Protein backbone atom coordinates (compact mmCIF):
# COMPACT_ATOMS: atom_id res chain seq x y z
CA MET A 1 0.00 0.00 0.00
CA LYS A 2 1.16 3.52 -0.68
CA TYR A 3 0.92 6.41 1.79
CA TYR A 4 1.24 10.17 1.34
CA ASN A 5 2.16 12.92 3.77
CA SER A 6 0.58 16.18 2.60
CA THR A 7 2.73 18.27 4.98
CA THR A 8 6.11 16.97 3.79
CA LYS A 9 4.82 16.07 0.29
CA LYS A 10 6.45 12.63 0.58
CA TYR A 11 5.22 9.20 -0.42
CA TYR A 12 5.84 5.98 1.45
CA ASN A 13 5.59 2.47 -0.02
CA ASP A 14 4.99 -0.54 2.23
CA GLY A 15 8.19 -2.37 3.02
CA GLN A 16 10.47 0.66 2.86
CA SER A 17 12.64 1.47 5.81
CA LEU A 18 11.84 4.83 7.37
CA THR A 19 13.48 6.97 10.04
CA TRP A 20 11.25 8.99 12.37
CA GLU A 21 11.31 10.63 15.76
CA LYS A 22 8.79 10.19 18.56
CA ASP A 23 9.04 11.75 21.99
CA GLY A 24 12.70 12.60 21.38
CA VAL A 25 13.59 9.02 20.44
CA LEU A 26 14.81 8.24 16.94
CA PHE A 27 13.29 5.15 15.32
CA SER A 28 14.34 3.39 12.15
CA GLY A 29 12.75 0.48 10.36
CA ILE A 30 9.55 -0.52 8.65
CA PRO A 31 6.74 1.34 10.40
CA SER A 32 3.24 0.04 11.08
CA SER A 33 0.20 1.80 9.64
CA GLU A 34 -0.39 3.35 13.10
CA GLN A 35 3.15 4.73 13.19
CA LEU A 36 2.69 6.12 9.68
CA ALA A 37 -0.55 7.81 10.74
CA GLU A 38 1.29 9.38 13.71
CA GLN A 39 3.81 10.83 11.24
CA GLY A 40 1.04 12.39 9.14
CA TYR A 41 0.91 9.75 6.40
CA GLU A 42 -2.48 8.81 4.98
CA PRO A 43 -3.33 5.97 2.62
CA TYR A 44 -2.79 7.23 -0.92
CA THR A 45 -5.47 6.69 -3.52
CA PRO A 46 -4.49 7.67 -7.07
CA PRO A 47 -6.90 10.00 -8.84
CA VAL A 48 -9.53 8.33 -10.97
CA THR A 49 -9.37 9.27 -14.62
CA ALA A 50 -12.68 9.95 -16.28
CA GLU A 51 -13.85 7.93 -19.24
CA PRO A 52 -13.63 9.92 -22.47
CA THR A 53 -16.91 11.35 -23.68
CA GLN A 54 -18.50 10.21 -26.93
CA GLU A 55 -17.35 13.44 -28.58
CA GLU A 56 -13.76 12.87 -27.42
CA ARG A 57 -13.84 9.28 -28.75
CA THR A 58 -15.25 10.54 -32.06
CA ARG A 59 -12.55 13.21 -32.38
CA LEU A 60 -9.86 10.66 -31.52
CA ARG A 61 -11.11 8.29 -34.23
CA MET A 62 -11.19 11.19 -36.71
CA ALA A 63 -7.55 11.96 -35.89
CA GLU A 64 -6.63 8.28 -36.37
CA ILE A 65 -8.35 8.29 -39.79
CA GLN A 66 -6.54 11.47 -40.83
CA MET A 67 -3.23 9.89 -39.82
CA GLU A 68 -3.93 6.71 -41.76
CA LEU A 69 -4.96 8.68 -44.83
CA ALA A 70 -1.81 10.79 -44.60
CA GLN A 71 0.30 7.64 -44.30
CA THR A 72 -1.23 6.19 -47.47
CA ASP A 73 -1.17 9.37 -49.59
CA TYR A 74 1.92 8.07 -51.35
CA LEU A 75 -0.18 5.28 -52.88
CA ALA A 76 -2.40 7.79 -54.66
CA LEU A 77 0.69 9.53 -56.02
CA LYS A 78 2.20 6.26 -57.23
CA ALA A 79 -1.07 5.36 -58.99
CA TYR A 80 -1.30 8.85 -60.53
CA GLU A 81 2.23 8.50 -61.87
CA GLY A 82 1.31 5.14 -63.43
CA GLU A 83 3.45 2.92 -61.22
CA ASP A 84 2.64 -0.74 -60.66
CA MET A 85 0.13 -1.00 -57.78
CA SER A 86 -0.33 -4.79 -57.79
CA GLU A 87 1.27 -5.17 -54.35
CA HIS A 88 -1.15 -2.63 -52.84
CA GLU A 89 -4.39 -4.29 -53.86
CA GLY A 90 -7.53 -2.75 -52.35
CA TRP A 91 -5.93 0.52 -51.30
CA ARG A 92 -8.49 2.68 -53.12
CA GLU A 93 -11.42 0.93 -51.45
CA HIS A 94 -9.75 1.15 -48.07
CA ARG A 95 -9.12 4.89 -48.42
CA ALA A 96 -12.67 5.43 -49.69
CA ALA A 97 -14.03 3.57 -46.65
CA LEU A 98 -11.88 5.71 -44.35
CA ARG A 99 -13.12 8.92 -45.98
CA ALA A 100 -16.74 7.74 -45.70
CA GLU A 101 -16.27 6.90 -42.01
CA TYR A 102 -14.64 10.30 -41.45
CA ARG A 103 -17.60 12.09 -43.07
CA GLU A 104 -20.05 10.10 -40.89
CA LEU A 105 -18.14 11.01 -37.76
CA GLU A 106 -17.95 14.64 -38.82
CA GLU A 107 -21.72 14.74 -39.35
CA SER A 108 -22.34 13.15 -35.94
CA LEU A 109 -20.54 16.06 -34.28
CA GLN A 110 -22.80 18.67 -35.85
């Protein structure tokens, strides 16, 4: 378990050795949860991250589509220049499907 002291801004992980003072006596070792509480440490709970909204997921997918289209732009140029496209079979359909999905997502945001 992890603990946090908001006064000293320090974290403590179970099993770590710690040095502390109590009533003028210096202690060293692995403290108990009670000893940690006496030193101002509280159990640490990491912040919960919120689930992305539908709009955020839509915008993320749109960005992914734009990246994929940009990464395959060279195929359109090769085809335009008349190069052999036999190894890239189906690229036009794939790009057309991406553009159609992008337009759908764009419309859903309006």
